[in-house]
C-alpha atoms as a PDB file:
ATOM      1  CA  MET A   1      80.568 104.793 102.359  1.00  0.00           C
ATOM      2  CA  ARG A   2      84.381 105.492 102.698  1.00  0.00           C
ATOM      3  CA  ASP A   3      84.582 108.353 104.818  1.00  0.00           C
ATOM      4  CA  TYR A   4      87.508 110.674 103.578  1.00  0.00           C
ATOM      5  CA  LYS A   5      87.959 113.756 106.016  1.00  0.00           C
ATOM      6  CA  SER A   6      88.338 117.431 104.247  1.00  0.00           C
ATOM      7  CA  TRP A   7      91.007 119.193 106.293  1.00  0.00           C
ATOM      8  CA  LYS A   8      90.643 123.468 106.461  1.00  0.00           C
ATOM      9  CA  LEU A   9      87.513 123.760 104.418  1.00  0.00           C
ATOM     10  CA  ALA A  10      85.579 127.084 104.067  1.00  0.00           C
ATOM     11  CA  ALA A  11      82.041 127.568 106.419  1.00  0.00           C
ATOM     12  CA  GLY A  12      80.155 127.322 103.365  1.00  0.00           C
ATOM     13  CA  LEU A  13      81.895 123.845 102.504  1.00  0.00           C
ATOM     14  CA  LEU A  14      80.761 122.576 105.920  1.00  0.00           C
ATOM     15  CA  THR A  15      77.432 121.787 104.876  1.00  0.00           C
ATOM     16  CA  ILE A  16      79.104 118.806 103.231  1.00  0.00           C
ATOM     17  CA  LEU A  17      78.547 115.642 105.316  1.00  0.00           C
ATOM     18  CA  SER A  18      81.059 113.555 103.717  1.00  0.00           C
ATOM     19  CA  PHE A  19      83.168 113.526 100.981  1.00  0.00           C
ATOM     20  CA  CYS A  20      81.785 110.280  99.892  1.00  0.00           C
ATOM     21  CA  GLY A  21      78.667 111.224  99.882  1.00  0.00           C
ATOM     22  CA  GLY A  22      79.357 114.173  97.729  1.00  0.00           C
ATOM     23  CA  CYS A  23      80.793 111.767  94.592  1.00  0.00           C
ATOM     24  CA  GLY A  24      78.287 109.068  95.080  1.00  0.00           C
ATOM     25  CA  ARG A  25      81.077 106.339  96.541  1.00  0.00           C
ATOM     26  CA  GLU A  26      79.666 102.933  97.983  1.00  0.00           C
ATOM     27  CA  THR A  27      81.896 100.535 100.430  1.00  0.00           C
ATOM     28  CA  ASP A  28      83.200  97.815  98.302  1.00  0.00           C
ATOM     29  CA  SER A  29      81.185  94.687  98.961  1.00  0.00           C
ATOM     30  CA  LEU A  30      82.855  92.137 101.552  1.00  0.00           C
ATOM     31  CA  PRO A  31      82.991  88.468 101.129  1.00  0.00           C
ATOM     32  CA  THR A  32      80.530  86.393 103.330  1.00  0.00           C
ATOM     33  CA  GLU A  33      81.634  83.975 105.516  1.00  0.00           C
ATOM     34  CA  GLN A  34      81.308  80.728 103.740  1.00  0.00           C
ATOM     35  CA  GLN A  35      83.486  82.976 100.806  1.00  0.00           C
ATOM     36  CA  ALA A  36      86.195  83.670 102.660  1.00  0.00           C
ATOM     37  CA  GLY A  37      86.043  80.103 104.138  1.00  0.00           C
ATOM     38  CA  GLN A  38      86.383  78.855 100.448  1.00  0.00           C
ATOM     39  CA  MET A  39      89.584  81.346 100.180  1.00  0.00           C
ATOM     40  CA  GLU A  40      91.319  80.331 103.266  1.00  0.00           C
ATOM     41  CA  GLU A  41      90.505  76.546 101.891  1.00  0.00           C
ATOM     42  CA  GLN A  42      92.565  76.898  98.275  1.00  0.00           C
ATOM     43  CA  ASP A  43      95.194  74.913  97.929  1.00  0.00           C
ATOM     44  CA  MET A  44      98.340  75.941  97.705  1.00  0.00           C
ATOM     45  CA  SER A  45     101.727  74.097  97.784  1.00  0.00           C
ATOM     46  CA  VAL A  46     104.671  75.409 100.012  1.00  0.00           C
ATOM     47  CA  ASN A  47     106.728  75.511  96.845  1.00  0.00           C
ATOM     48  CA  GLN A  48     104.304  78.611  95.825  1.00  0.00           C
ATOM     49  CA  GLU A  49     104.525  80.013  98.967  1.00  0.00           C
ATOM     50  CA  GLU A  50     108.278  79.923  98.679  1.00  0.00           C
ATOM     51  CA  SER A  51     108.463  81.177  95.879  1.00  0.00           C
ATOM     52  CA  ARG A  52     106.617  83.771  96.257  1.00  0.00           C
ATOM     53  CA  ALA A  53     108.462  84.929  99.494  1.00  0.00           C
ATOM     54  CA  GLN A  54     111.431  84.745  97.113  1.00  0.00           C
ATOM     55  CA  GLU A  55     110.360  86.780  94.364  1.00  0.00           C
ATOM     56  CA  ARG A  56     109.601  89.366  96.750  1.00  0.00           C
ATOM     57  CA  ASP A  57     112.720  89.652  98.413  1.00  0.00           C
ATOM     58  CA  GLU A  58     114.161  89.762  95.187  1.00  0.00           C
ATOM     59  CA  GLU A  59     115.598  93.317  93.785  1.00  0.00           C
ATOM     60  CA  VAL A  60     113.579  94.319  91.207  1.00  0.00           C
ATOM     61  CA  GLU A  61     115.172  96.757  88.037  1.00  0.00           C
ATOM     62  CA  THR A  62     111.760  98.207  86.916  1.00  0.00           C
ATOM     63  CA  ALA A  63     108.287  99.358  87.719  1.00  0.00           C
ATOM     64  CA  GLY A  64     106.562  96.997  85.880  1.00  0.00           C
ATOM     65  CA  GLU A  65     108.103  93.508  87.800  1.00  0.00           C
ATOM     66  CA  GLU A  66     108.162  95.630  91.126  1.00  0.00           C
ATOM     67  CA  GLU A  67     104.068  96.249  90.460  1.00  0.00           C
ATOM     68  CA  ALA A  68     103.791  92.620  89.760  1.00  0.00           C
ATOM     69  CA  ASP A  69     105.494  91.470  93.234  1.00  0.00           C
ATOM     70  CA  VAL A  70     102.839  93.301  95.669  1.00  0.00           C
ATOM     71  CA  SER A  71      99.267  93.346  96.058  1.00  0.00           C
ATOM     72  CA  ALA A  72      96.862  95.626  97.962  1.00  0.00           C
ATOM     73  CA  ASP A  73      94.421  92.565  98.736  1.00  0.00           C
ATOM     74  CA  SER A  74      95.931  91.290 102.091  1.00  0.00           C
ATOM     75  CA  GLY A  75      94.080  87.405 100.331  1.00  0.00           C
ATOM     76  CA  ASP A  76      90.665  87.504 102.944  1.00  0.00           C
ATOM     77  CA  GLY A  77      89.063  89.963 101.224  1.00  0.00           C
ATOM     78  CA  THR A  78      90.392  93.337 103.246  1.00  0.00           C
ATOM     79  CA  PHE A  79      93.489  95.969 102.197  1.00  0.00           C
ATOM     80  CA  ALA A  80      96.668  95.482 103.559  1.00  0.00           C
ATOM     81  CA  LEU A  81      96.647  98.912 104.497  1.00  0.00           C
ATOM     82  CA  GLU A  82      93.128  99.593 105.961  1.00  0.00           C
ATOM     83  CA  GLY A  83      92.588 102.558 108.098  1.00  0.00           C
ATOM     84  CA  VAL A  84      96.775 104.105 107.573  1.00  0.00           C
ATOM     85  CA  THR A  85      96.277 107.477 106.838  1.00  0.00           C
ATOM     86  CA  LEU A  86      98.081 109.777 104.327  1.00  0.00           C
ATOM     87  CA  SER A  87      98.676 113.319 103.504  1.00  0.00           C
ATOM     88  CA  ILE A  88      99.587 115.013 100.450  1.00  0.00           C
ATOM     89  CA  LEU A  89     101.848 117.945  99.994  1.00  0.00           C
ATOM     90  CA  GLY A  90     101.404 118.591  96.083  1.00  0.00           C
ATOM     91  CA  ASP A  91     100.638 121.243  93.714  1.00  0.00           C
ATOM     92  CA  SER A  92      97.754 120.983  90.874  1.00  0.00           C
ATOM     93  CA  ILE A  93      98.095 117.883  89.614  1.00  0.00           C
ATOM     94  CA  SER A  94      96.759 116.658  93.331  1.00  0.00           C
ATOM     95  CA  THR A  95      93.872 119.732  93.456  1.00  0.00           C
ATOM     96  CA  PHE A  96      90.459 118.637  93.210  1.00  0.00           C
ATOM     97  CA  GLU A  97      87.473 121.181  94.034  1.00  0.00           C
ATOM     98  CA  ASN A  98      85.918 120.932  97.869  1.00  0.00           C
ATOM     99  CA  TRP A  99      89.207 118.089  98.503  1.00  0.00           C
ATOM    100  CA  ILE A 100      91.493 120.760  99.646  1.00  0.00           C
ATOM    101  CA  PRO A 101      92.276 123.202 102.546  1.00  0.00           C
ATOM    102  CA  TYR A 102      89.912 126.667 101.942  1.00  0.00           C
ATOM    103  CA  GLY A 103      91.995 129.616 100.239  1.00  0.00           C
ATOM    104  CA  TYR A 104      93.988 127.200  98.239  1.00  0.00           C
ATOM    105  CA  ASN A 105      94.041 126.828  94.284  1.00  0.00           C
ATOM    106  CA  ASN A 106      92.515 124.099  92.582  1.00  0.00           C
ATOM    107  CA  PHE A 107      92.854 122.774  89.144  1.00  0.00           C
ATOM    108  CA  TYR A 108      90.429 119.816  88.628  1.00  0.00           C
ATOM    109  CA  PRO A 109      87.861 119.685  88.001  1.00  0.00           C
ATOM    110  CA  MET A 110      87.555 123.235  85.878  1.00  0.00           C
ATOM    111  CA  SER A 111      90.468 122.428  84.021  1.00  0.00           C
ATOM    112  CA  GLY A 112      92.208 119.765  82.044  1.00  0.00           C
ATOM    113  CA  GLU A 113      90.689 116.517  81.589  1.00  0.00           C
ATOM    114  CA  VAL A 114      89.680 115.020  85.136  1.00  0.00           C
ATOM    115  CA  THR A 115      86.425 115.660  85.958  1.00  0.00           C
ATOM    116  CA  ASP A 116      85.442 113.264  88.105  1.00  0.00           C
ATOM    117  CA  ILE A 117      87.089 112.393  91.660  1.00  0.00           C
ATOM    118  CA  ASN A 118      87.151 108.791  90.940  1.00  0.00           C
ATOM    119  CA  ASP A 119      89.826 109.570  88.450  1.00  0.00           C
ATOM    120  CA  THR A 120      92.673 110.975  90.598  1.00  0.00           C
ATOM    121  CA  TRP A 121      95.361 109.068  91.422  1.00  0.00           C
ATOM    122  CA  TRP A 122      94.898 109.196  95.385  1.00  0.00           C
ATOM    123  CA  ILE A 123      91.231 108.227  95.393  1.00  0.00           C
ATOM    124  CA  ARG A 124      92.697 105.311  93.240  1.00  0.00           C
ATOM    125  CA  VAL A 125      95.546 105.033  95.725  1.00  0.00           C
ATOM    126  CA  PHE A 126      92.719 104.953  98.304  1.00  0.00           C
ATOM    127  CA  ASP A 127      90.473 102.280  96.716  1.00  0.00           C
ATOM    128  CA  ASP A 128      92.726  99.970  95.849  1.00  0.00           C
ATOM    129  CA  THR A 129      94.556 100.063  99.537  1.00  0.00           C
ATOM    130  CA  GLY A 130      91.819 101.388 102.280  1.00  0.00           C
ATOM    131  CA  MET A 131      93.676 103.638 102.864  1.00  0.00           C
ATOM    132  CA  LYS A 132      92.352 107.449 104.290  1.00  0.00           C
ATOM    133  CA  LEU A 133      92.931 110.785 103.619  1.00  0.00           C
ATOM    134  CA  CYS A 134      94.470 112.524 106.462  1.00  0.00           C
ATOM    135  CA  ALA A 135      95.044 116.240 104.748  1.00  0.00           C
ATOM    136  CA  ASN A 136      95.287 117.257 100.921  1.00  0.00           C
ATOM    137  CA  ALA A 137      97.410 120.041 101.049  1.00  0.00           C
ATOM    138  CA  SER A 138      98.183 120.402  97.476  1.00  0.00           C
ATOM    139  CA  SER A 139      97.722 123.981  95.533  1.00  0.00           C
ATOM    140  CA  ALA A 140      97.397 124.782  91.849  1.00  0.00           C
ATOM    141  CA  GLY A 141     100.810 126.521  90.584  1.00  0.00           C
ATOM    142  CA  SER A 142     102.871 126.499  93.996  1.00  0.00           C
ATOM    143  CA  THR A 143     106.833 125.897  93.573  1.00  0.00           C
ATOM    144  CA  CYS A 144     108.719 124.466  96.172  1.00  0.00           C
ATOM    145  CA  THR A 145     110.905 127.544  96.550  1.00  0.00           C
ATOM    146  CA  GLY A 146     109.667 130.889  98.185  1.00  0.00           C
ATOM    147  CA  ASP A 147     109.562 132.387 101.528  1.00  0.00           C
ATOM    148  CA  SER A 148     109.655 129.927 104.171  1.00  0.00           C
ATOM    149  CA  THR A 149     108.817 131.688 107.089  1.00  0.00           C
ATOM    150  CA  ASP A 150     105.260 132.559 105.013  1.00  0.00           C
ATOM    151  CA  ALA A 151     102.662 131.757 107.186  1.00  0.00           C
ATOM    152  CA  GLU A 152      99.582 132.958 105.151  1.00  0.00           C
ATOM    153  CA  ASN A 153     100.441 131.843 101.466  1.00  0.00           C
ATOM    154  CA  PRO A 154     100.452 128.452  99.656  1.00  0.00           C
ATOM    155  CA  GLN A 155     102.453 129.252  96.962  1.00  0.00           C
ATOM    156  CA  ALA A 156     105.832 128.716  98.160  1.00  0.00           C
ATOM    157  CA  GLY A 157     105.911 124.063  99.168  1.00  0.00           C
ATOM    158  CA  CYS A 158     108.755 124.960 101.589  1.00  0.00           C
ATOM    159  CA  SER A 159     106.694 127.213 103.849  1.00  0.00           C
ATOM    160  CA  ASP A 160     105.180 126.793 107.328  1.00  0.00           C
ATOM    161  CA  PHE A 161     101.938 127.368 105.724  1.00  0.00           C
ATOM    162  CA  ARG A 162     102.135 124.571 103.988  1.00  0.00           C
ATOM    163  CA  ILE A 163     104.394 122.132 106.082  1.00  0.00           C
ATOM    164  CA  THR A 164     101.541 122.564 109.202  1.00  0.00           C
ATOM    165  CA  ASP A 165      98.798 121.624 107.157  1.00  0.00           C
ATOM    166  CA  LEU A 166      99.141 118.095 106.547  1.00  0.00           C
ATOM    167  CA  SER A 167      97.292 117.030 109.819  1.00  0.00           C
ATOM    168  CA  ASP A 168      93.998 116.663 110.027  1.00  0.00           C
ATOM    169  CA  SER A 169      90.876 119.246 111.504  1.00  0.00           C
ATOM    170  CA  ASN A 170      91.261 117.611 114.675  1.00  0.00           C
ATOM    171  CA  GLY A 171      95.235 117.832 114.740  1.00  0.00           C
ATOM    172  CA  VAL A 172      96.292 114.425 114.338  1.00  0.00           C
ATOM    173  CA  TYR A 173      99.267 113.682 112.148  1.00  0.00           C
ATOM    174  CA  PRO A 174      99.111 111.449 108.847  1.00  0.00           C
ATOM    175  CA  ASP A 175     100.837 107.576 108.955  1.00  0.00           C
ATOM    176  CA  MET A 176     102.222 108.443 105.346  1.00  0.00           C
ATOM    177  CA  ILE A 177     103.165 111.717 103.581  1.00  0.00           C
ATOM    178  CA  VAL A 178     102.974 111.793  99.814  1.00  0.00           C
ATOM    179  CA  VAL A 179     105.467 115.316  98.481  1.00  0.00           C
ATOM    180  CA  PHE A 180     104.691 115.640  94.618  1.00  0.00           C
ATOM    181  CA  MET A 181     105.756 119.066  93.732  1.00  0.00           C
ATOM    182  CA  GLY A 182     108.397 120.443  91.607  1.00  0.00           C
ATOM    183  CA  THR A 183     106.501 120.611  87.853  1.00  0.00           C
ATOM    184  CA  ASN A 184     106.285 124.367  88.496  1.00  0.00           C
ATOM    185  CA  ASP A 185     109.888 124.825  89.907  1.00  0.00           C
ATOM    186  CA  LEU A 186     110.998 123.285  86.285  1.00  0.00           C
ATOM    187  CA  LEU A 187     107.986 125.902  84.137  1.00  0.00           C
ATOM    188  CA  ALA A 188     109.219 128.867  86.478  1.00  0.00           C
ATOM    189  CA  ASN A 189     112.743 128.125  85.453  1.00  0.00           C
ATOM    190  CA  VAL A 190     113.419 128.404  89.065  1.00  0.00           C
ATOM    191  CA  PRO A 191     117.958 127.661  89.396  1.00  0.00           C
ATOM    192  CA  LEU A 192     118.674 123.825  89.964  1.00  0.00           C
ATOM    193  CA  GLY A 193     121.027 124.709  93.186  1.00  0.00           C
ATOM    194  CA  GLU A 194     123.405 121.966  94.395  1.00  0.00           C
ATOM    195  CA  ASN A 195     122.342 120.693  97.550  1.00  0.00           C
ATOM    196  CA  ASP A 196     122.657 116.916  97.753  1.00  0.00           C
ATOM    197  CA  GLY A 197     120.556 116.818 101.064  1.00  0.00           C
ATOM    198  CA  SER A 198     123.572 116.882 103.290  1.00  0.00           C
ATOM    199  CA  THR A 199     123.776 120.561 103.409  1.00  0.00           C
ATOM    200  CA  ALA A 200     121.273 122.481 106.453  1.00  0.00           C
ATOM    201  CA  VAL A 201     119.071 125.442 104.582  1.00  0.00           C
ATOM    202  CA  GLU A 202     118.318 128.349 106.723  1.00  0.00           C
ATOM    203  CA  GLU A 203     114.501 129.603 106.792  1.00  0.00           C
ATOM    204  CA  GLY A 204     114.123 132.890 104.781  1.00  0.00           C
ATOM    205  CA  LEU A 205     113.581 133.127 100.736  1.00  0.00           C
ATOM    206  CA  ILE A 206     114.854 129.847  99.142  1.00  0.00           C
ATOM    207  CA  ASP A 207     115.087 130.799  95.780  1.00  0.00           C
ATOM    208  CA  ASN A 208     116.790 127.125  94.690  1.00  0.00           C
ATOM    209  CA  PHE A 209     115.214 123.929  93.931  1.00  0.00           C
ATOM    210  CA  ALA A 210     117.668 121.540  95.581  1.00  0.00           C
ATOM    211  CA  ASP A 211     117.650 123.779  98.886  1.00  0.00           C
ATOM    212  CA  ALA A 212     113.996 124.319  98.758  1.00  0.00           C
ATOM    213  CA  TYR A 213     113.409 120.472  98.635  1.00  0.00           C
ATOM    214  CA  SER A 214     115.697 119.431 100.889  1.00  0.00           C
ATOM    215  CA  LEU A 215     114.104 121.842 103.399  1.00  0.00           C
ATOM    216  CA  ILE A 216     110.512 120.458 102.621  1.00  0.00           C
ATOM    217  CA  LEU A 217     112.034 117.391 104.289  1.00  0.00           C
ATOM    218  CA  ASP A 218     113.833 118.624 106.674  1.00  0.00           C
ATOM    219  CA  LYS A 219     110.429 120.220 107.862  1.00  0.00           C
ATOM    220  CA  LEU A 220     108.574 117.227 107.313  1.00  0.00           C
ATOM    221  CA  GLU A 221     110.697 114.865 109.667  1.00  0.00           C
ATOM    222  CA  THR A 222     110.407 117.782 112.493  1.00  0.00           C
ATOM    223  CA  TYR A 223     107.332 118.449 112.367  1.00  0.00           C
ATOM    224  CA  TYR A 224     105.863 114.793 111.747  1.00  0.00           C
ATOM    225  CA  PRO A 225     108.869 112.586 113.124  1.00  0.00           C
ATOM    226  CA  GLY A 226     106.025 109.410 113.463  1.00  0.00           C
ATOM    227  CA  SER A 227     104.855 109.407 109.062  1.00  0.00           C
ATOM    228  CA  ARG A 228     106.447 107.483 106.661  1.00  0.00           C
ATOM    229  CA  LEU A 229     108.129 109.842 104.050  1.00  0.00           C
ATOM    230  CA  TYR A 230     107.508 108.942 100.156  1.00  0.00           C
ATOM    231  CA  CYS A 231     109.117 111.870  97.265  1.00  0.00           C
ATOM    232  CA  CYS A 232     107.469 111.449  94.000  1.00  0.00           C
ATOM    233  CA  THR A 233     109.882 112.332  91.220  1.00  0.00           C
ATOM    234  CA  LEU A 234     108.180 114.609  88.474  1.00  0.00           C
ATOM    235  CA  LEU A 235     106.070 113.037  85.304  1.00  0.00           C
ATOM    236  CA  GLN A 236     107.889 113.749  81.772  1.00  0.00           C
ATOM    237  CA  VAL A 237     106.761 117.026  80.803  1.00  0.00           C
ATOM    238  CA  GLY A 238     106.330 117.702  77.175  1.00  0.00           C
ATOM    239  CA  ASP A 239     106.335 121.039  75.230  1.00  0.00           C
ATOM    240  CA  TYR A 240     102.841 122.132  74.797  1.00  0.00           C
ATOM    241  CA  GLY A 241     103.460 124.606  72.480  1.00  0.00           C
ATOM    242  CA  THR A 242     104.616 122.045  69.661  1.00  0.00           C
ATOM    243  CA  ASP A 243     102.773 120.152  67.362  1.00  0.00           C
ATOM    244  CA  THR A 244     102.865 116.686  67.381  1.00  0.00           C
ATOM    245  CA  PRO A 245     104.730 114.637  68.749  1.00  0.00           C
ATOM    246  CA  TYR A 246     105.245 116.103  71.896  1.00  0.00           C
ATOM    247  CA  ILE A 247     108.902 116.683  72.784  1.00  0.00           C
ATOM    248  CA  PRO A 248     110.023 116.844  75.907  1.00  0.00           C
ATOM    249  CA  PHE A 249     110.331 120.420  77.697  1.00  0.00           C
ATOM    250  CA  THR A 250     113.313 122.464  78.307  1.00  0.00           C
ATOM    251  CA  ASN A 251     113.151 125.587  80.939  1.00  0.00           C
ATOM    252  CA  GLY A 252     115.113 128.814  80.699  1.00  0.00           C
ATOM    253  CA  GLN A 253     117.645 127.530  82.851  1.00  0.00           C
ATOM    254  CA  GLY A 254     118.490 124.938  80.051  1.00  0.00           C
ATOM    255  CA  LEU A 255     116.395 122.377  82.065  1.00  0.00           C
ATOM    256  CA  THR A 256     114.227 119.010  81.441  1.00  0.00           C
ATOM    257  CA  ALA A 257     112.273 117.322  84.499  1.00  0.00           C
ATOM    258  CA  GLU A 258     114.695 114.484  84.315  1.00  0.00           C
ATOM    259  CA  ASP A 259     116.906 117.016  85.655  1.00  0.00           C
ATOM    260  CA  TYR A 260     114.602 118.075  88.726  1.00  0.00           C
ATOM    261  CA  THR A 261     113.482 114.284  88.922  1.00  0.00           C
ATOM    262  CA  ASN A 262     117.286 113.374  89.500  1.00  0.00           C
ATOM    263  CA  GLN A 263     117.979 115.842  92.102  1.00  0.00           C
ATOM    264  CA  ILE A 264     115.059 114.452  93.865  1.00  0.00           C
ATOM    265  CA  TRP A 265     116.459 111.168  93.811  1.00  0.00           C
ATOM    266  CA  THR A 266     119.945 112.940  95.372  1.00  0.00           C
ATOM    267  CA  ILE A 267     118.630 114.535  98.080  1.00  0.00           C
ATOM    268  CA  ALA A 268     116.200 111.690  99.367  1.00  0.00           C
ATOM    269  CA  GLU A 269     118.345 109.144  99.197  1.00  0.00           C
ATOM    270  CA  ASN A 270     120.515 110.445 101.403  1.00  0.00           C
ATOM    271  CA  LYS A 271     117.936 111.715 103.522  1.00  0.00           C
ATOM    272  CA  GLY A 272     117.094 108.047 103.788  1.00  0.00           C
ATOM    273  CA  VAL A 273     113.415 108.910 102.044  1.00  0.00           C
ATOM    274  CA  SER A 274     111.554 106.467  99.746  1.00  0.00           C
ATOM    275  CA  VAL A 275     111.273 107.613  96.497  1.00  0.00           C
ATOM    276  CA  VAL A 276     108.558 106.870  93.880  1.00  0.00           C
ATOM    277  CA  ASP A 277     109.603 106.967  90.596  1.00  0.00           C
ATOM    278  CA  LEU A 278     107.185 108.663  88.459  1.00  0.00           C
ATOM    279  CA  TYR A 279     109.469 109.781  85.776  1.00  0.00           C
ATOM    280  CA  HIS A 280     109.478 106.247  84.627  1.00  0.00           C
ATOM    281  CA  CYS A 281     105.650 104.952  85.604  1.00  0.00           C
ATOM    282  CA  GLY A 282     104.037 104.976  81.991  1.00  0.00           C
ATOM    283  CA  VAL A 283     103.356 108.871  81.278  1.00  0.00           C
ATOM    284  CA  GLU A 284     106.090 109.379  78.713  1.00  0.00           C
ATOM    285  CA  ILE A 285     106.822 111.843  76.142  1.00  0.00           C
ATOM    286  CA  ASP A 286     105.778 109.530  73.325  1.00  0.00           C
ATOM    287  CA  ASN A 287     102.230 109.225  74.993  1.00  0.00           C
ATOM    288  CA  LEU A 288     101.395 112.531  76.323  1.00  0.00           C
ATOM    289  CA  GLN A 289      98.650 113.050  74.292  1.00  0.00           C
ATOM    290  CA  GLN A 290      96.977 110.102  75.349  1.00  0.00           C
ATOM    291  CA  THR A 291      98.088 110.660  79.103  1.00  0.00           C
ATOM    292  CA  THR A 292      97.871 114.686  79.833  1.00  0.00           C
ATOM    293  CA  SER A 293      95.337 117.123  78.723  1.00  0.00           C
ATOM    294  CA  ASP A 294      98.818 119.476  77.691  1.00  0.00           C
ATOM    295  CA  GLY A 295     101.919 118.393  78.020  1.00  0.00           C
ATOM    296  CA  VAL A 296     101.996 118.393  81.859  1.00  0.00           C
ATOM    297  CA  HIS A 297      98.587 117.766  83.736  1.00  0.00           C
ATOM    298  CA  PRO A 298      97.637 113.922  83.601  1.00  0.00           C
ATOM    299  CA  ASN A 299      94.051 113.070  82.518  1.00  0.00           C
ATOM    300  CA  PRO A 300      92.407 109.746  83.832  1.00  0.00           C
ATOM    301  CA  GLU A 301      94.816 107.602  82.118  1.00  0.00           C
ATOM    302  CA  GLY A 302      97.475 109.164  83.334  1.00  0.00           C
ATOM    303  CA  MET A 303      96.128 109.357  86.709  1.00  0.00           C
ATOM    304  CA  ARG A 304      96.025 105.634  86.778  1.00  0.00           C
ATOM    305  CA  TYR A 305     100.043 105.656  85.597  1.00  0.00           C
ATOM    306  CA  ILE A 306     100.418 107.607  88.838  1.00  0.00           C
ATOM    307  CA  ALA A 307      98.375 105.114  91.309  1.00  0.00           C
ATOM    308  CA  GLU A 308      99.795 102.680  90.406  1.00  0.00           C
ATOM    309  CA  ALA A 309     103.897 103.618  90.585  1.00  0.00           C
ATOM    310  CA  VAL A 310     102.557 104.989  94.042  1.00  0.00           C
ATOM    311  CA  GLU A 311     100.722 101.710  95.732  1.00  0.00           C
ATOM    312  CA  ALA A 312     104.042  99.860  94.398  1.00  0.00           C
ATOM    313  CA  ALA A 313     106.115 102.016  96.316  1.00  0.00           C
ATOM    314  CA  ILE A 314     103.828 101.874  99.421  1.00  0.00           C
ATOM    315  CA  LEU A 315     103.368  97.885  99.013  1.00  0.00           C
ATOM    316  CA  SER A 316     106.572  96.753  98.285  1.00  0.00           C
ATOM    317  CA  GLU A 317     107.635  98.584 101.878  1.00  0.00           C
ATOM    318  CA  TYR A 318     104.815  97.220 103.447  1.00  0.00           C
ATOM    319  CA  ASN A 319     105.020  93.576 102.044  1.00  0.00           C
ATOM    320  CA  GLN A 320     109.296  93.577 103.435  1.00  0.00           C
END
């Protein structure tokens, strides 16, 4: 069984000896020595090897093309990223009961349509890559904005409280950190702001998205200098108050998910941080009925699209 370690669970939850035991997960079977030998002896021409190497080096223009150029399997039956640890700074889309810190707010599995931990985007990533969870600091309803100095409330993503929860229970830092926040800023009518990531933000009450997101990345780089950062853009968000078909949700500021997504791209690029393009991952306005439960929260199908995009972004860099 795979060992996915929890972080800061309540005393009552500490009786759970391992996450994998709670969800009936088993280790993927590895090939026998004979099978491994057969795999190594498969005939592959030099031209094929050179062609694949060339494909990995060519610039891809779409997420689908990028996904075709990467593989989680190293070719010998093992995972390319086996044992690499990953932490998540997220909102409700990344929650699951008993897998987030005590005192954080859950969404899944009590709400929405993701009732099995195996259907979350992050467990799918771990299964496909061999990575392990370091800490999942995700809280439903949380925004990027808020009091950055708060050390007690998990609802401000830029806060010291949230940033310091990304190491594991032993204080070990993650190898990678995925930031997947901003949807609640859209839904809460948070002003977009103008910070492009080049302006330092003073600690305190942060009231616009651009300043808050820029501060999050600055603090992550300060607290976790050895961790590789990945910024997820927003998924497309539909107006779940209308009849079918869904239409893009527009908040009180006249902004859509695309506006916040573009700001994430700008900030991340100016800071040299990798971006996972979830806005174009396959969860689209036209298929929100099939990929979400309410136009916002992904169902298992939507989670699959997210997982594939995250894997592609991580593995494309790993394979370079």
